[in-house]
Amino acid sequence: MTARRLVENCVLTNQTAVVDEMLNKNLLPEEYIYPFLGDVMEWWLIDSWLAERLKREGEVIIDEYGCYWWGRLASGQAIYMDGVIQKIAGE
């Protein structure tokens, strides 16, 4: 699978505003966030398959309310260009 295809199939939508609001209202356990909070630039809703693989790579993953959010530590480039995504895709 290419990195571009992986993103098309497994990264569902940007939810930075949603997760930020949940954090502001203390609706998410701190265990998921710290010490990464200052480093996360974007929050993406992803599927469980990608969540498991990103977690293995040490990425920030929130698993709550039946959803998986990835705390992306990069911004400004297409997600498929992220090194961790290319690694998971085997590129």
C-alpha atoms as a PDB file:
ATOM      1  CA  MET A   1       0.000   0.000   0.000  1.00  0.00           C
ATOM      2  CA  THR A   2       1.348   3.451  -0.829  1.00  0.00           C
ATOM      3  CA  ALA A   3       1.466   6.195   1.773  1.00  0.00           C
ATOM      4  CA  ARG A   4      -1.050   8.208  -0.228  1.00  0.00           C
ATOM      5  CA  ARG A   5      -3.464   5.268  -0.333  1.00  0.00           C
ATOM      6  CA  LEU A   6      -2.987   4.601   3.379  1.00  0.00           C
ATOM      7  CA  VAL A   7      -4.015   8.188   4.142  1.00  0.00           C
ATOM      8  CA  GLU A   8      -7.000   8.017   1.777  1.00  0.00           C
ATOM      9  CA  ASN A   9      -8.256   4.848   3.479  1.00  0.00           C
ATOM     10  CA  CYS A  10      -7.321   5.325   7.131  1.00  0.00           C
ATOM     11  CA  VAL A  11      -7.195   9.057   7.919  1.00  0.00           C
ATOM     12  CA  LEU A  12     -10.809  10.148   8.164  1.00  0.00           C
ATOM     13  CA  THR A  13     -10.942  13.875   8.959  1.00  0.00           C
ATOM     14  CA  ASN A  14      -9.195  16.697  10.774  1.00  0.00           C
ATOM     15  CA  GLN A  15     -10.674  17.149  14.232  1.00  0.00           C
ATOM     16  CA  THR A  16      -8.280  19.615  15.808  1.00  0.00           C
ATOM     17  CA  ALA A  17     -11.099  21.933  16.922  1.00  0.00           C
ATOM     18  CA  VAL A  18     -13.084  19.020  18.385  1.00  0.00           C
ATOM     19  CA  VAL A  19     -10.188  17.545  20.365  1.00  0.00           C
ATOM     20  CA  ASP A  20      -9.020  20.981  21.545  1.00  0.00           C
ATOM     21  CA  GLU A  21     -12.522  21.677  22.867  1.00  0.00           C
ATOM     22  CA  MET A  22     -12.634  18.275  24.580  1.00  0.00           C
ATOM     23  CA  LEU A  23      -9.277  19.019  26.206  1.00  0.00           C
ATOM     24  CA  ASN A  24     -10.430  22.465  27.337  1.00  0.00           C
ATOM     25  CA  LYS A  25     -13.498  20.899  28.977  1.00  0.00           C
ATOM     26  CA  ASN A  26     -11.443  18.085  30.577  1.00  0.00           C
ATOM     27  CA  LEU A  27     -13.363  15.406  28.675  1.00  0.00           C
ATOM     28  CA  LEU A  28     -10.202  13.425  27.871  1.00  0.00           C
ATOM     29  CA  PRO A  29      -7.882  11.759  30.398  1.00  0.00           C
ATOM     30  CA  GLU A  30      -4.545  13.533  30.807  1.00  0.00           C
ATOM     31  CA  GLU A  31      -2.706  10.221  30.403  1.00  0.00           C
ATOM     32  CA  TYR A  32      -3.166  10.460  26.635  1.00  0.00           C
ATOM     33  CA  ILE A  33      -1.817  13.941  26.320  1.00  0.00           C
ATOM     34  CA  TYR A  34       1.125  14.647  28.558  1.00  0.00           C
ATOM     35  CA  PRO A  35       4.015  15.113  27.909  1.00  0.00           C
ATOM     36  CA  PHE A  36       3.002  15.604  24.263  1.00  0.00           C
ATOM     37  CA  LEU A  37       0.409  18.381  24.471  1.00  0.00           C
ATOM     38  CA  GLY A  38       2.715  21.211  23.408  1.00  0.00           C
ATOM     39  CA  ASP A  39       4.082  19.150  20.531  1.00  0.00           C
ATOM     40  CA  VAL A  40       0.782  18.162  18.894  1.00  0.00           C
ATOM     41  CA  MET A  41      -0.012  20.462  15.978  1.00  0.00           C
ATOM     42  CA  GLU A  42      -3.111  18.727  14.571  1.00  0.00           C
ATOM     43  CA  TRP A  43      -5.610  16.085  15.658  1.00  0.00           C
ATOM     44  CA  TRP A  44      -6.888  13.596  13.070  1.00  0.00           C
ATOM     45  CA  LEU A  45      -9.674  11.057  13.381  1.00  0.00           C
ATOM     46  CA  ILE A  46      -8.253   7.744  12.144  1.00  0.00           C
ATOM     47  CA  ASP A  47      -9.305   4.110  11.954  1.00  0.00           C
ATOM     48  CA  SER A  48      -8.270   1.454  14.472  1.00  0.00           C
ATOM     49  CA  TRP A  49      -5.811  -0.231  12.098  1.00  0.00           C
ATOM     50  CA  LEU A  50      -3.760   2.919  11.664  1.00  0.00           C
ATOM     51  CA  ALA A  51      -4.115   3.826  15.344  1.00  0.00           C
ATOM     52  CA  GLU A  52      -2.471   0.563  16.385  1.00  0.00           C
ATOM     53  CA  ARG A  53       0.425   1.033  13.995  1.00  0.00           C
ATOM     54  CA  LEU A  54       0.969   4.669  14.933  1.00  0.00           C
ATOM     55  CA  LYS A  55       0.929   3.698  18.611  1.00  0.00           C
ATOM     56  CA  ARG A  56       3.654   1.108  17.942  1.00  0.00           C
ATOM     57  CA  GLU A  57       5.720   3.908  16.398  1.00  0.00           C
ATOM     58  CA  GLY A  58       5.355   6.020  19.537  1.00  0.00           C
ATOM     59  CA  GLU A  59       2.838   8.493  18.126  1.00  0.00           C
ATOM     60  CA  VAL A  60       0.232  10.238  20.300  1.00  0.00           C
ATOM     61  CA  ILE A  61      -3.066   8.320  20.075  1.00  0.00           C
ATOM     62  CA  ILE A  62      -6.261   9.026  21.995  1.00  0.00           C
ATOM     63  CA  ASP A  63      -8.597   6.025  22.241  1.00  0.00           C
ATOM     64  CA  GLU A  64     -11.840   7.290  23.779  1.00  0.00           C
ATOM     65  CA  TYR A  65     -15.577   7.395  23.036  1.00  0.00           C
ATOM     66  CA  GLY A  66     -15.208   4.711  20.371  1.00  0.00           C
ATOM     67  CA  CYS A  67     -12.874   6.949  18.358  1.00  0.00           C
ATOM     68  CA  TYR A  68      -9.159   7.081  17.635  1.00  0.00           C
ATOM     69  CA  TRP A  69      -7.431  10.446  17.301  1.00  0.00           C
ATOM     70  CA  TRP A  70      -3.853  10.856  16.175  1.00  0.00           C
ATOM     71  CA  GLY A  71      -1.928  13.801  17.592  1.00  0.00           C
ATOM     72  CA  ARG A  72       0.112  14.734  14.555  1.00  0.00           C
ATOM     73  CA  LEU A  73       3.412  16.330  15.493  1.00  0.00           C
ATOM     74  CA  ALA A  74       3.880  17.902  12.049  1.00  0.00           C
ATOM     75  CA  SER A  75       1.969  20.365   9.931  1.00  0.00           C
ATOM     76  CA  GLY A  76       2.303  22.167   6.636  1.00  0.00           C
ATOM     77  CA  GLN A  77       2.805  19.156   4.394  1.00  0.00           C
ATOM     78  CA  ALA A  78       0.555  16.420   3.111  1.00  0.00           C
ATOM     79  CA  ILE A  79       0.062  13.662   5.686  1.00  0.00           C
ATOM     80  CA  TYR A  80       1.289  10.997   3.264  1.00  0.00           C
ATOM     81  CA  MET A  81       4.685  12.749   3.329  1.00  0.00           C
ATOM     82  CA  ASP A  82       5.143  12.242   7.098  1.00  0.00           C
ATOM     83  CA  GLY A  83       7.990   9.859   7.817  1.00  0.00           C
ATOM     84  CA  VAL A  84       5.912   7.706  10.163  1.00  0.00           C
ATOM     85  CA  ILE A  85       3.185   7.276   7.523  1.00  0.00           C
ATOM     86  CA  GLN A  86       5.728   6.323   4.866  1.00  0.00           C
ATOM     87  CA  LYS A  87       7.296   3.828   7.273  1.00  0.00           C
ATOM     88  CA  ILE A  88       3.933   2.186   8.024  1.00  0.00           C
ATOM     89  CA  ALA A  89       3.159   2.073   4.302  1.00  0.00           C
ATOM     90  CA  GLY A  90       6.492   0.362   3.699  1.00  0.00           C
ATOM     91  CA  GLU A  91       7.881   3.081   1.462  1.00  0.00           C
END
